[in-house]
Amino acid sequence: MARRATKIVATLGPASSDPEILERILRAGVNVVRLNFSHGTAEDHIARARLVREVSLAAGREVAIMADLQGPKIRVGKFADGKVMLVPGARFVLDASRTELGDPEGVGLDYKELPRDVRPGDTLLLNDGLLVLTVDAVKGDQVRTTVKVGGELSNNKGINKQGGGLTAPALTAKDMEDIRTAMSFQADYVAVSFPKTATDMEMARQLCNVAAAEYRHKPALIAKIERAEAIPNLEAILRASDGIMVARGDLAVEVGNAAVPALQKRMIRMARQLDRVVITATQMMESMITAPVPTRAEVSDVANAVLDGTDAVMLSAETATGRYPVEVVQQMANICAEAEMAEDVKLDADFTGMAFSRIDQSIAMGALFTAHHLGCKAIVALTDSGSTALWMSRHRIHIPIYALTPRLTTQRRMTLYRNVRPLLVDQSVDRDEALAEAEAHLKKRGIVAPGDVYAITCGEPMGAPGGTNMLKIVRVS
């Protein structure tokens, strides 16, 4: 398997829940397994989480588990025949009070607040923007529309409002229950759907910490940026989160497809500047749900996300329900490795004008700078919380960063950090012993050999969080 810095998030589903297939996708290069709480029961997720832990242990590949919350169901109801054909120019009613099944004239709503969120002249986009309705009038619980772009509309398809403006809260009663489920198996990451403000993320963090307290666990939070309203609040949302997901599906429907590539670059850049992780998602290898190879456009899409500096690229239906779950991971891993070889390292420019107020952050940056100019074989961070490794991973460098930690939760969290290889190592409280143990570990794994030079950071006294205060350059004897 080619050495690569960019991580792969894969969604578990019927196509990848067989232990043998799961082991193969982990070995092919998956770093984070996503459980999609939009589908399945609490029991399903608990069983799948247990399976991931068992299989990763057997494969000798520690991975993180990400619980992806469903968020508000902004959807139409069901139809008597399962679907209808909407004809351009036809009238169609979205009715929040309708209890009977839908027909070609109208349908009920899972999202009862829609009549209060729209006004005449608004544009509604259904089924990921494939169908377009113009709002003519709002009468009580009825939203009366004219079909602008027609096509097939089937049960429970999503609704977006062009330009945003739907008031649904980011966290529903179901999400709160799902957070409790995710904390019961100590999910490493929780992805929050449709946050519009930092307050949404702060509330999610509070709920997660309360639910996780009995397990002495604190998950990291990922904000999925998929609402138009989130864009002006991007910096505040980032500061309230541990990372973001560039969720290009719903976002594209609300802001328009053409705006998304530039937004993706801006989001990745801002996340890196604020020391947050970033995942690029949605339709990355979509054709491989049914085809054994990706399209040229998909290859370019994944490569561009890598060149933008994303921490991870994500697979959804490709691994959850697709025909080629193992092959799609292999292809993605190869594209990432190939794109990284073309990356420019501009560390000197990165550090121009930067100011560090913290000792531990200065040590992390010093390690990168020195390792780059000395041509070190590896950078090693002895870390309790993972912060040193995170700071290092925000800068492009072609030298692998090995993060050695005594904490399993820290190891799992770091699986998402770009160019960081987290290893679980019992660290002695004696500094010299710990450094000797770290080198023995690197030698055993074939990472360094006699004559190689590497940089290592740690803190004195050992084991004190936030205490990284030492950088050592070592030539292996």
Protein backbone atom coordinates (compact mmCIF):
# COMPACT_ATOMS: atom_id res chain seq x y z
CA MET A 1 0.00 0.00 0.00
CA ALA A 2 1.45 3.37 -1.04
CA ARG A 3 2.37 5.70 1.80
CA ARG A 4 -0.10 8.58 1.84
CA ALA A 5 -0.86 11.55 4.03
CA THR A 6 -4.55 12.03 3.15
CA LYS A 7 -6.96 9.91 5.16
CA ILE A 8 -10.00 7.97 3.92
CA VAL A 9 -13.42 7.96 5.61
CA ALA A 10 -15.68 5.09 4.50
CA THR A 11 -19.37 4.64 5.27
CA LEU A 12 -20.46 1.27 6.60
CA GLY A 13 -23.58 -0.30 5.09
CA PRO A 14 -24.96 -3.56 3.71
CA ALA A 15 -22.11 -3.82 1.16
CA SER A 16 -19.38 -3.51 3.80
CA SER A 17 -20.79 -5.05 7.01
CA ASP A 18 -19.55 -8.56 6.32
CA PRO A 19 -16.46 -9.06 8.55
CA GLU A 20 -14.32 -10.28 5.64
CA ILE A 21 -15.22 -7.32 3.39
CA LEU A 22 -14.77 -4.90 6.29
CA GLU A 23 -11.30 -6.28 6.99
CA ARG A 24 -10.40 -5.92 3.32
CA ILE A 25 -11.51 -2.27 3.16
CA LEU A 26 -9.56 -1.50 6.36
CA ARG A 27 -6.45 -3.14 4.90
CA ALA A 28 -7.03 -1.24 1.63
CA GLY A 29 -6.58 2.00 3.53
CA VAL A 30 -9.66 3.16 5.46
CA ASN A 31 -8.76 5.30 8.49
CA VAL A 32 -12.21 6.31 9.77
CA VAL A 33 -15.43 4.30 9.59
CA ARG A 34 -18.63 6.37 9.32
CA LEU A 35 -21.92 5.11 10.77
CA ASN A 36 -24.80 6.94 9.08
CA PHE A 37 -27.56 7.46 11.64
CA SER A 38 -30.05 8.35 8.87
CA HIS A 39 -30.45 4.59 8.38
CA GLY A 40 -30.80 1.66 10.77
CA THR A 41 -31.69 1.20 14.43
CA ALA A 42 -29.67 1.87 17.58
CA GLU A 43 -29.03 -1.88 17.82
CA ASP A 44 -27.67 -1.91 14.23
CA HIS A 45 -25.19 0.86 15.03
CA ILE A 46 -24.06 -0.72 18.30
CA ALA A 47 -23.50 -4.05 16.52
CA ARG A 48 -21.60 -2.37 13.67
CA ALA A 49 -19.40 -0.39 16.06
CA ARG A 50 -18.54 -3.62 17.89
CA LEU A 51 -17.74 -5.27 14.55
CA VAL A 52 -15.44 -2.38 13.55
CA ARG A 53 -13.51 -2.63 16.83
CA GLU A 54 -13.15 -6.44 16.51
CA VAL A 55 -12.12 -6.40 12.86
CA SER A 56 -9.68 -3.50 13.26
CA LEU A 57 -8.04 -5.30 16.16
CA ALA A 58 -7.71 -8.48 14.07
CA ALA A 59 -6.32 -6.48 11.12
CA GLY A 60 -3.88 -4.59 13.36
CA ARG A 61 -5.22 -1.27 12.01
CA GLU A 62 -6.69 1.09 14.59
CA VAL A 63 -9.47 3.21 13.07
CA ALA A 64 -11.79 5.92 14.38
CA ILE A 65 -15.58 5.61 14.39
CA MET A 66 -17.62 8.59 13.26
CA ALA A 67 -21.31 8.78 14.19
CA ASP A 68 -23.04 10.94 11.57
CA LEU A 69 -26.31 12.36 12.94
CA GLN A 70 -29.35 12.56 10.66
CA GLY A 71 -30.37 16.12 11.55
CA PRO A 72 -33.82 17.53 10.70
CA LYS A 73 -35.90 15.59 8.16
CA ILE A 74 -36.75 18.31 5.66
CA ARG A 75 -38.63 15.98 3.34
CA VAL A 76 -41.89 15.41 1.51
CA GLY A 77 -44.16 12.59 2.75
CA LYS A 78 -45.11 9.39 0.94
CA PHE A 79 -47.12 8.81 -2.26
CA ALA A 80 -49.94 6.30 -2.85
CA ASP A 81 -47.96 4.79 -5.76
CA GLY A 82 -44.52 5.41 -4.22
CA LYS A 83 -43.84 8.21 -6.72
CA VAL A 84 -45.42 10.74 -9.11
CA MET A 85 -44.30 12.42 -12.30
CA LEU A 86 -44.24 16.23 -12.03
CA VAL A 87 -44.84 18.03 -15.33
CA PRO A 88 -43.40 21.52 -15.97
CA GLY A 89 -46.10 24.17 -15.62
CA ALA A 90 -48.33 21.94 -13.44
CA ARG A 91 -49.59 23.02 -10.01
CA PHE A 92 -48.36 21.03 -7.00
CA VAL A 93 -49.29 21.50 -3.32
CA LEU A 94 -47.00 20.76 -0.38
CA ASP A 95 -49.42 20.37 2.53
CA ALA A 96 -48.22 20.20 6.16
CA SER A 97 -51.65 19.05 7.42
CA ARG A 98 -52.25 16.34 4.80
CA THR A 99 -52.58 12.85 6.30
CA GLU A 100 -53.50 10.82 3.20
CA LEU A 101 -50.82 9.60 0.78
CA GLY A 102 -49.66 11.92 -2.01
CA ASP A 103 -50.82 12.03 -5.65
CA PRO A 104 -49.90 14.09 -8.76
CA GLU A 105 -51.67 17.16 -7.27
CA GLY A 106 -49.86 17.26 -3.94
CA VAL A 107 -48.18 15.54 -1.00
CA GLY A 108 -47.85 15.79 2.78
CA LEU A 109 -44.71 16.99 4.57
CA ASP A 110 -42.41 15.45 7.16
CA TYR A 111 -41.23 19.02 7.73
CA LYS A 112 -44.33 20.75 9.14
CA GLU A 113 -42.71 24.21 9.43
CA LEU A 114 -42.32 24.68 5.66
CA PRO A 115 -45.40 26.96 5.27
CA ARG A 116 -43.89 29.36 7.83
CA ASP A 117 -40.46 29.37 6.16
CA VAL A 118 -41.46 30.28 2.60
CA ARG A 119 -43.21 33.11 0.79
CA PRO A 120 -44.42 33.68 -2.78
CA GLY A 121 -41.55 33.89 -5.27
CA ASP A 122 -39.29 31.50 -3.35
CA THR A 123 -37.69 28.61 -5.21
CA LEU A 124 -37.84 25.12 -3.68
CA LEU A 125 -35.47 22.39 -4.83
CA LEU A 126 -36.47 18.76 -4.32
CA ASN A 127 -34.47 15.54 -4.60
CA ASP A 128 -31.00 17.17 -4.53
CA GLY A 129 -32.10 19.94 -6.88
CA LEU A 130 -33.30 17.69 -9.71
CA LEU A 131 -36.84 19.12 -9.35
CA VAL A 132 -37.57 22.85 -9.06
CA LEU A 133 -40.82 24.38 -7.75
CA THR A 134 -41.74 28.08 -7.54
CA VAL A 135 -43.89 29.14 -4.59
CA ASP A 136 -47.09 30.90 -5.79
CA ALA A 137 -48.90 31.29 -2.46
CA VAL A 138 -48.99 30.09 1.14
CA LYS A 139 -52.51 29.36 2.43
CA GLY A 140 -52.55 28.06 6.02
CA ASP A 141 -50.66 24.76 5.99
CA GLN A 142 -50.49 24.64 2.21
CA VAL A 143 -47.57 25.76 0.07
CA ARG A 144 -48.96 26.13 -3.46
CA THR A 145 -46.33 25.86 -6.17
CA THR A 146 -45.81 25.65 -9.91
CA VAL A 147 -43.45 23.02 -11.31
CA LYS A 148 -40.54 24.76 -13.04
CA VAL A 149 -38.30 21.74 -13.67
CA GLY A 150 -40.20 18.46 -13.64
CA GLY A 151 -39.38 14.80 -13.25
CA GLU A 152 -40.02 11.88 -10.94
CA LEU A 153 -40.66 12.62 -7.26
CA SER A 154 -40.68 9.62 -4.94
CA ASN A 155 -41.30 9.05 -1.21
CA ASN A 156 -39.44 11.10 1.42
CA LYS A 157 -37.25 13.10 -0.96
CA GLY A 158 -35.44 16.11 0.54
CA ILE A 159 -36.49 19.76 0.24
CA ASN A 160 -34.10 22.71 0.06
CA LYS A 161 -34.86 26.40 -0.29
CA GLN A 162 -32.63 28.24 -2.74
CA GLY A 163 -30.44 30.66 -0.82
CA GLY A 164 -31.28 28.96 2.50
CA GLY A 165 -33.72 30.14 5.14
CA LEU A 166 -35.32 26.96 6.51
CA THR A 167 -35.68 27.29 10.30
CA ALA A 168 -35.33 23.61 11.28
CA PRO A 169 -33.04 23.23 14.33
CA ALA A 170 -29.77 21.37 13.73
CA LEU A 171 -30.47 18.88 16.54
CA THR A 172 -33.71 16.92 16.71
CA ALA A 173 -35.09 14.63 19.43
CA LYS A 174 -33.86 11.67 17.33
CA ASP A 175 -30.34 13.17 17.21
CA MET A 176 -30.30 13.51 20.99
CA GLU A 177 -31.22 9.84 21.33
CA ASP A 178 -28.61 8.92 18.69
CA ILE A 179 -25.93 10.86 20.61
CA ARG A 180 -26.65 8.62 23.62
CA THR A 181 -26.33 5.54 21.40
CA ALA A 182 -23.05 6.80 19.87
CA MET A 183 -21.59 7.53 23.30
CA SER A 184 -22.51 4.03 24.53
CA PHE A 185 -19.82 2.70 22.17
CA GLN A 186 -17.60 5.80 22.58
CA ALA A 187 -17.70 7.07 19.00
CA ASP A 188 -14.51 9.06 18.40
CA TYR A 189 -16.19 11.67 16.21
CA VAL A 190 -19.77 12.95 16.04
CA ALA A 191 -20.76 14.70 12.79
CA VAL A 192 -23.56 17.26 13.24
CA SER A 193 -25.85 17.79 10.24
CA PHE A 194 -27.10 21.22 9.12
CA PRO A 195 -25.57 23.51 11.80
CA LYS A 196 -26.15 27.18 10.99
CA THR A 197 -24.30 28.83 13.88
CA ALA A 198 -21.62 28.16 16.49
CA THR A 199 -24.45 27.82 19.04
CA ASP A 200 -25.67 24.66 17.25
CA MET A 201 -22.21 23.12 17.73
CA GLU A 202 -21.92 24.28 21.34
CA MET A 203 -25.27 22.64 22.12
CA ALA A 204 -24.16 19.42 20.40
CA ARG A 205 -20.93 19.40 22.40
CA GLN A 206 -22.84 19.84 25.66
CA LEU A 207 -25.17 16.94 24.79
CA CYS A 208 -22.23 14.72 23.78
CA ASN A 209 -20.23 15.49 26.92
CA VAL A 210 -23.21 14.78 29.19
CA ALA A 211 -24.00 11.50 27.40
CA ALA A 212 -20.32 10.47 27.40
CA ALA A 213 -19.55 11.43 31.01
CA GLU A 214 -20.35 7.99 32.45
CA TYR A 215 -17.84 6.46 30.00
CA ARG A 216 -15.20 9.13 30.80
CA HIS A 217 -15.14 9.95 27.11
CA LYS A 218 -15.19 13.18 25.12
CA PRO A 219 -15.82 12.86 21.39
CA ALA A 220 -14.53 15.29 18.79
CA LEU A 221 -17.21 17.21 16.86
CA ILE A 222 -17.40 17.69 13.10
CA ALA A 223 -19.72 20.38 11.71
CA LYS A 224 -21.21 19.40 8.34
CA ILE A 225 -21.34 22.57 6.25
CA GLU A 226 -24.44 22.09 4.11
CA ARG A 227 -26.61 25.16 4.77
CA ALA A 228 -26.30 28.53 3.01
CA GLU A 229 -26.62 30.21 6.44
CA ALA A 230 -23.48 28.41 7.68
CA ILE A 231 -21.21 30.19 5.19
CA PRO A 232 -21.22 33.67 6.79
CA ASN A 233 -20.75 31.98 10.19
CA LEU A 234 -17.97 29.67 9.02
CA GLU A 235 -15.19 30.94 11.27
CA ALA A 236 -17.36 30.88 14.42
CA ILE A 237 -18.61 27.36 13.57
CA LEU A 238 -15.01 26.19 13.04
CA ARG A 239 -13.91 27.62 16.38
CA ALA A 240 -16.79 25.80 18.13
CA SER A 241 -15.93 22.48 16.41
CA ASP A 242 -12.95 20.13 16.10
CA GLY A 243 -13.37 20.03 12.35
CA ILE A 244 -15.75 20.46 9.44
CA MET A 245 -17.09 18.35 6.61
CA VAL A 246 -17.45 20.02 3.22
CA ALA A 247 -20.85 18.38 2.56
CA ARG A 248 -21.22 19.30 -1.07
CA GLY A 249 -24.66 17.77 -1.73
CA ASP A 250 -27.10 19.92 0.23
CA LEU A 251 -24.73 22.89 0.10
CA ALA A 252 -24.69 22.82 -3.71
CA VAL A 253 -28.49 22.74 -3.82
CA GLU A 254 -28.75 25.81 -1.57
CA VAL A 255 -25.92 27.98 -2.96
CA GLY A 256 -25.75 26.60 -6.53
CA ASN A 257 -23.34 24.03 -7.97
CA ALA A 258 -21.02 26.65 -9.46
CA ALA A 259 -20.27 28.25 -6.07
CA VAL A 260 -19.14 25.02 -4.39
CA PRO A 261 -15.56 24.50 -5.72
CA ALA A 262 -14.40 27.95 -4.53
CA LEU A 263 -16.21 27.45 -1.19
CA GLN A 264 -14.48 24.07 -0.80
CA LYS A 265 -11.05 25.70 -1.20
CA ARG A 266 -11.96 28.49 1.23
CA MET A 267 -13.26 26.05 3.85
CA ILE A 268 -10.16 23.82 3.65
CA ARG A 269 -7.84 26.84 3.89
CA MET A 270 -9.72 28.30 6.87
CA ALA A 271 -9.84 24.96 8.71
CA ARG A 272 -6.08 24.55 8.39
CA GLN A 273 -5.45 28.13 9.53
CA LEU A 274 -7.60 27.58 12.64
CA ASP A 275 -5.97 24.20 13.46
CA ARG A 276 -9.12 22.21 12.67
CA VAL A 277 -9.49 19.05 10.58
CA VAL A 278 -11.49 18.99 7.34
CA ILE A 279 -13.20 16.19 5.43
CA THR A 280 -14.26 16.59 1.79
CA ALA A 281 -17.39 14.57 1.01
CA THR A 282 -20.22 13.79 -1.43
CA GLN A 283 -20.12 11.99 -4.78
CA MET A 284 -16.32 11.70 -4.79
CA MET A 285 -16.32 8.30 -6.53
CA GLU A 286 -20.07 8.09 -7.23
CA SER A 287 -19.79 6.12 -10.49
CA MET A 288 -18.04 3.29 -8.61
CA ILE A 289 -21.33 2.42 -6.89
CA THR A 290 -21.94 0.39 -10.06
CA ALA A 291 -18.70 0.62 -12.11
CA PRO A 292 -15.33 -1.04 -11.32
CA VAL A 293 -13.31 2.11 -12.15
CA PRO A 294 -13.91 5.83 -11.48
CA THR A 295 -14.45 8.48 -14.15
CA ARG A 296 -11.57 10.83 -15.06
CA ALA A 297 -13.57 13.70 -13.51
CA GLU A 298 -13.84 11.82 -10.19
CA VAL A 299 -10.10 11.15 -10.18
CA SER A 300 -9.50 14.89 -10.68
CA ASP A 301 -12.03 15.76 -7.96
CA VAL A 302 -10.31 13.58 -5.35
CA ALA A 303 -6.85 14.78 -6.42
CA ASN A 304 -7.93 18.43 -6.24
CA ALA A 305 -9.25 17.99 -2.68
CA VAL A 306 -5.87 16.48 -1.76
CA LEU A 307 -3.99 19.37 -3.41
CA ASP A 308 -6.29 21.84 -1.57
CA GLY A 309 -4.99 20.30 1.67
CA THR A 310 -8.00 18.32 2.93
CA ASP A 311 -7.29 15.96 5.84
CA ALA A 312 -9.62 13.29 4.50
CA VAL A 313 -11.78 12.33 1.55
CA MET A 314 -15.02 10.47 2.16
CA LEU A 315 -16.93 7.62 0.57
CA SER A 316 -20.69 7.32 1.17
CA ALA A 317 -22.86 4.98 -0.91
CA GLU A 318 -19.69 3.78 -2.70
CA THR A 319 -18.79 1.61 0.33
CA ALA A 320 -22.21 1.43 2.03
CA THR A 321 -24.26 -0.04 -0.83
CA GLY A 322 -21.93 -0.12 -3.85
CA ARG A 323 -20.80 -3.17 -5.79
CA TYR A 324 -17.07 -2.49 -5.38
CA PRO A 325 -16.41 -1.41 -1.76
CA VAL A 326 -12.83 -2.75 -1.64
CA GLU A 327 -11.83 -1.55 -5.11
CA VAL A 328 -13.14 2.00 -4.52
CA VAL A 329 -10.96 2.34 -1.39
CA GLN A 330 -7.92 1.02 -3.29
CA GLN A 331 -8.53 3.46 -6.16
CA MET A 332 -9.01 6.39 -3.78
CA ALA A 333 -5.84 5.54 -1.84
CA ASN A 334 -3.83 5.43 -5.10
CA ILE A 335 -5.23 8.78 -6.30
CA CYS A 336 -4.36 10.41 -2.95
CA ALA A 337 -0.80 9.05 -2.96
CA GLU A 338 -0.23 10.15 -6.56
CA ALA A 339 -1.62 13.67 -5.97
CA GLU A 340 0.54 14.15 -2.86
CA MET A 341 3.70 13.54 -4.89
CA ALA A 342 2.87 16.68 -6.89
CA GLU A 343 2.42 18.89 -3.81
CA ASP A 344 4.61 21.91 -3.21
CA VAL A 345 6.14 22.25 0.25
CA LYS A 346 6.29 25.94 1.19
CA LEU A 347 7.16 25.69 4.87
CA ASP A 348 9.37 28.79 4.92
CA ALA A 349 6.55 30.88 3.43
CA ASP A 350 4.06 29.29 5.86
CA PHE A 351 6.05 30.56 8.83
CA THR A 352 6.59 34.10 7.54
CA GLY A 353 4.80 36.53 9.82
CA MET A 354 3.55 33.78 12.15
CA ALA A 355 3.67 34.46 15.88
CA PHE A 356 3.50 31.77 18.56
CA SER A 357 2.41 32.58 22.09
CA ARG A 358 2.55 28.97 23.31
CA ILE A 359 5.71 26.99 24.02
CA ASP A 360 4.21 23.68 22.82
CA GLN A 361 3.09 25.20 19.51
CA SER A 362 6.52 26.78 18.97
CA ILE A 363 8.19 23.39 19.57
CA ALA A 364 5.83 21.74 17.03
CA MET A 365 6.65 24.37 14.39
CA GLY A 366 10.37 24.18 15.22
CA ALA A 367 10.30 20.42 14.66
CA LEU A 368 8.72 20.85 11.21
CA PHE A 369 11.13 23.58 10.15
CA THR A 370 14.24 21.76 11.36
CA ALA A 371 13.18 18.36 9.97
CA HIS A 372 12.44 19.93 6.58
CA HIS A 373 15.83 21.65 6.32
CA LEU A 374 17.82 18.71 7.69
CA GLY A 375 16.01 16.17 5.49
CA CYS A 376 14.93 14.06 8.50
CA LYS A 377 13.52 10.59 7.89
CA ALA A 378 10.66 11.10 10.36
CA ILE A 379 9.18 13.53 12.87
CA VAL A 380 8.11 11.92 16.14
CA ALA A 381 5.77 13.52 18.66
CA LEU A 382 5.28 11.99 22.09
CA THR A 383 1.81 13.32 22.84
CA ASP A 384 -0.90 12.81 25.42
CA SER A 385 -3.71 14.88 23.90
CA GLY A 386 -2.62 14.83 20.24
CA SER A 387 -2.35 18.65 20.00
CA THR A 388 1.31 18.66 18.92
CA ALA A 389 0.55 16.23 16.09
CA LEU A 390 -2.48 18.30 15.03
CA TRP A 391 -0.43 21.51 14.78
CA MET A 392 2.27 19.74 12.79
CA SER A 393 -0.33 18.26 10.43
CA ARG A 394 -1.62 21.74 9.46
CA HIS A 395 1.50 22.32 7.31
CA ARG A 396 2.51 20.47 4.17
CA ILE A 397 5.68 18.46 4.59
CA HIS A 398 6.77 15.27 2.85
CA ILE A 399 8.20 13.82 6.04
CA PRO A 400 5.87 11.43 7.90
CA ILE A 401 4.78 12.46 11.41
CA TYR A 402 4.60 9.60 13.92
CA ALA A 403 2.48 10.45 16.95
CA LEU A 404 3.22 8.15 19.88
CA THR A 405 0.60 8.23 22.61
CA PRO A 406 -0.27 6.11 25.65
CA ARG A 407 -4.01 6.89 25.18
CA LEU A 408 -6.17 4.76 22.88
CA THR A 409 -8.75 7.57 22.49
CA THR A 410 -5.99 9.97 21.36
CA GLN A 411 -4.63 7.39 18.92
CA ARG A 412 -8.07 6.92 17.35
CA ARG A 413 -8.75 10.64 17.12
CA MET A 414 -5.42 11.23 15.36
CA THR A 415 -6.29 8.72 12.60
CA LEU A 416 -8.08 11.63 10.87
CA TYR A 417 -5.10 14.05 10.95
CA ARG A 418 -3.36 14.48 7.63
CA ASN A 419 0.15 12.96 7.41
CA VAL A 420 -0.02 11.69 11.01
CA ARG A 421 0.55 8.01 11.80
CA PRO A 422 -0.69 7.45 15.35
CA LEU A 423 0.88 4.63 17.34
CA LEU A 424 -0.07 3.38 20.80
CA VAL A 425 3.03 3.21 23.00
CA ASP A 426 3.34 2.82 26.76
CA GLN A 427 5.46 5.80 27.72
CA SER A 428 7.77 5.54 30.66
CA VAL A 429 7.71 8.46 33.10
CA ASP A 430 11.50 8.77 32.73
CA ARG A 431 12.30 11.02 29.77
CA ASP A 432 15.41 9.16 28.57
CA GLU A 433 13.64 5.80 28.81
CA ALA A 434 10.68 7.19 26.87
CA LEU A 435 12.94 8.52 24.10
CA ALA A 436 14.81 5.19 23.91
CA GLU A 437 11.47 3.31 23.75
CA ALA A 438 10.28 5.60 20.94
CA GLU A 439 13.44 4.94 18.89
CA ALA A 440 13.21 1.19 19.49
CA HIS A 441 9.61 1.34 18.24
CA LEU A 442 10.64 3.19 15.06
CA LYS A 443 13.49 0.71 14.39
CA LYS A 444 11.23 -2.30 14.91
CA ARG A 445 8.76 -0.95 12.36
CA GLY A 446 11.52 -0.22 9.84
CA ILE A 447 10.80 3.53 9.93
CA VAL A 448 14.40 4.46 10.77
CA ALA A 449 17.70 2.64 10.33
CA PRO A 450 21.25 3.32 11.58
CA GLY A 451 22.55 6.61 10.14
CA ASP A 452 19.05 8.14 9.71
CA VAL A 453 18.21 11.44 11.36
CA TYR A 454 14.82 12.13 12.96
CA ALA A 455 13.27 14.91 15.05
CA ILE A 456 11.44 14.09 18.29
CA THR A 457 9.33 16.29 20.57
CA CYS A 458 8.14 15.61 24.11
CA GLY A 459 7.28 17.36 27.35
CA GLU A 460 8.97 17.48 30.71
CA PRO A 461 7.68 16.37 33.13
CA MET A 462 6.46 13.42 31.03
CA GLY A 463 2.70 12.86 30.80
CA ALA A 464 1.63 16.43 31.61
CA PRO A 465 -0.93 17.53 28.97
CA GLY A 466 -0.04 20.69 27.03
CA GLY A 467 3.54 20.29 28.22
CA THR A 468 5.51 19.73 24.98
CA ASN A 469 8.64 21.80 25.62
CA MET A 470 11.53 19.85 24.12
CA LEU A 471 12.80 19.21 20.60
CA LYS A 472 15.67 16.80 20.01
CA ILE A 473 17.39 15.88 16.74
CA VAL A 474 18.70 12.33 16.81
CA ARG A 475 21.01 10.36 14.52
CA VAL A 476 20.22 6.65 14.82
CA SER A 477 23.24 4.67 15.97
